[in-house]
C-alpha atoms as a PDB file:
ATOM      1  CA  UNK A   1       5.600  13.243 -10.430  1.00  0.00           C
ATOM      2  CA  UNK A   2       4.019  15.687  -8.074  1.00  0.00           C
ATOM      3  CA  UNK A   3       0.473  16.066  -6.762  1.00  0.00           C
ATOM      4  CA  UNK A   4      -0.208  18.909  -9.190  1.00  0.00           C
ATOM      5  CA  UNK A   5       0.378  16.512 -12.127  1.00  0.00           C
ATOM      6  CA  UNK A   6      -2.936  14.794 -11.321  1.00  0.00           C
ATOM      7  CA  UNK A   7      -6.561  15.759 -11.723  1.00  0.00           C
ATOM      8  CA  UNK A   8      -8.824  14.357  -9.011  1.00  0.00           C
ATOM      9  CA  UNK A   9     -11.841  12.593 -10.501  1.00  0.00           C
ATOM     10  CA  UNK A  10     -13.545  11.437  -7.289  1.00  0.00           C
ATOM     11  CA  UNK A  11     -12.900  10.329  -3.731  1.00  0.00           C
ATOM     12  CA  UNK A  12     -12.932   6.534  -3.385  1.00  0.00           C
ATOM     13  CA  UNK A  13     -12.593   6.179   0.372  1.00  0.00           C
ATOM     14  CA  UNK A  14     -10.818   7.084   3.563  1.00  0.00           C
ATOM     15  CA  UNK A  15      -9.226   5.515   6.610  1.00  0.00           C
ATOM     16  CA  UNK A  16      -7.796   6.637   9.933  1.00  0.00           C
ATOM     17  CA  UNK A  17      -5.008   8.673   8.361  1.00  0.00           C
ATOM     18  CA  UNK A  18      -5.460   8.302   4.595  1.00  0.00           C
ATOM     19  CA  UNK A  19      -7.754   9.294   1.753  1.00  0.00           C
ATOM     20  CA  UNK A  20      -7.894   7.481  -1.609  1.00  0.00           C
ATOM     21  CA  UNK A  21      -8.832   9.241  -4.838  1.00  0.00           C
ATOM     22  CA  UNK A  22      -9.396   8.194  -8.435  1.00  0.00           C
ATOM     23  CA  UNK A  23      -7.103  10.485 -10.426  1.00  0.00           C
ATOM     24  CA  UNK A  24      -5.936  11.056 -13.974  1.00  0.00           C
ATOM     25  CA  UNK A  25      -2.441  12.195 -14.844  1.00  0.00           C
ATOM     26  CA  UNK A  26      -2.766  15.432 -16.819  1.00  0.00           C
ATOM     27  CA  UNK A  27      -0.197  14.280 -19.395  1.00  0.00           C
ATOM     28  CA  UNK A  28      -1.843  10.835 -19.817  1.00  0.00           C
ATOM     29  CA  UNK A  29      -5.510  11.576 -20.515  1.00  0.00           C
ATOM     30  CA  UNK A  30      -7.751   8.542 -20.238  1.00  0.00           C
ATOM     31  CA  UNK A  31      -5.404   6.624 -17.911  1.00  0.00           C
ATOM     32  CA  UNK A  32      -6.660   6.456 -14.345  1.00  0.00           C
ATOM     33  CA  UNK A  33      -4.788   5.792 -11.138  1.00  0.00           C
ATOM     34  CA  UNK A  34      -5.536   5.504  -7.429  1.00  0.00           C
ATOM     35  CA  UNK A  35      -3.821   8.140  -5.307  1.00  0.00           C
ATOM     36  CA  UNK A  36      -3.575   7.512  -1.572  1.00  0.00           C
ATOM     37  CA  UNK A  37      -2.793  10.579   0.507  1.00  0.00           C
ATOM     38  CA  UNK A  38      -1.471  10.026   4.021  1.00  0.00           C
ATOM     39  CA  UNK A  39      -1.442  12.612   6.769  1.00  0.00           C
ATOM     40  CA  UNK A  40       2.177  12.602   7.949  1.00  0.00           C
ATOM     41  CA  UNK A  41       1.206  14.148  11.286  1.00  0.00           C
ATOM     42  CA  UNK A  42      -1.409  11.455  11.979  1.00  0.00           C
ATOM     43  CA  UNK A  43       0.891   8.637  10.825  1.00  0.00           C
ATOM     44  CA  UNK A  44       3.670   9.869  13.108  1.00  0.00           C
ATOM     45  CA  UNK A  45       1.385  10.497  16.085  1.00  0.00           C
ATOM     46  CA  UNK A  46      -0.057   6.984  15.762  1.00  0.00           C
ATOM     47  CA  UNK A  47       3.442   5.550  15.149  1.00  0.00           C
ATOM     48  CA  UNK A  48       2.298   3.803  11.958  1.00  0.00           C
ATOM     49  CA  UNK A  49       5.274   4.575   9.683  1.00  0.00           C
ATOM     50  CA  UNK A  50       6.156   0.883   9.461  1.00  0.00           C
ATOM     51  CA  UNK A  51       2.614   0.017   8.355  1.00  0.00           C
ATOM     52  CA  UNK A  52       2.847   2.453   5.433  1.00  0.00           C
ATOM     53  CA  UNK A  53       6.176   1.015   4.306  1.00  0.00           C
ATOM     54  CA  UNK A  54       4.905  -2.579   4.635  1.00  0.00           C
ATOM     55  CA  UNK A  55       1.840  -1.738   2.531  1.00  0.00           C
ATOM     56  CA  UNK A  56       4.040  -0.197  -0.162  1.00  0.00           C
ATOM     57  CA  UNK A  57       6.353  -3.217  -0.140  1.00  0.00           C
ATOM     58  CA  UNK A  58       3.444  -5.685  -0.330  1.00  0.00           C
ATOM     59  CA  UNK A  59       1.775  -3.931  -3.260  1.00  0.00           C
ATOM     60  CA  UNK A  60       5.062  -3.711  -5.155  1.00  0.00           C
ATOM     61  CA  UNK A  61       5.525  -7.464  -4.695  1.00  0.00           C
ATOM     62  CA  UNK A  62       2.206  -7.883  -6.544  1.00  0.00           C
ATOM     63  CA  UNK A  63       3.555  -5.951  -9.527  1.00  0.00           C
ATOM     64  CA  UNK A  64       6.650  -8.213  -9.504  1.00  0.00           C
ATOM     65  CA  UNK A  65       4.388 -11.280  -9.561  1.00  0.00           C
ATOM     66  CA  UNK A  66       2.596 -10.023 -12.673  1.00  0.00           C
ATOM     67  CA  UNK A  67       5.935  -9.216 -14.367  1.00  0.00           C
ATOM     68  CA  UNK A  68       5.037  -5.553 -14.555  1.00  0.00           C
ATOM     69  CA  UNK A  69       8.119  -3.464 -15.292  1.00  0.00           C
ATOM     70  CA  UNK A  70       6.863  -0.537 -13.194  1.00  0.00           C
ATOM     71  CA  UNK A  71       6.390  -0.575  -9.430  1.00  0.00           C
ATOM     72  CA  UNK A  72       2.760  -0.604  -8.356  1.00  0.00           C
ATOM     73  CA  UNK A  73       3.294   2.023  -5.643  1.00  0.00           C
ATOM     74  CA  UNK A  74       5.448   5.124  -5.391  1.00  0.00           C
ATOM     75  CA  UNK A  75       5.991   6.748  -2.018  1.00  0.00           C
ATOM     76  CA  UNK A  76       6.574  10.517  -2.013  1.00  0.00           C
END
């Protein structure tokens, strides 16, 4: 998957170095996802790489708990 595969529906929120959008995959009409975009430059300048990886790991543990076969979060 690449960013261009998604259609942005609306902006849901933002943080210090991220923005979160409600998106729809162009090949899966009617299925919505949350897409979090991180500014690599801001993450690196604030030395927050570990925080991003911990968030990804934590959310994927949730999908394991619910016996979901797909990871909750993909990091590109």
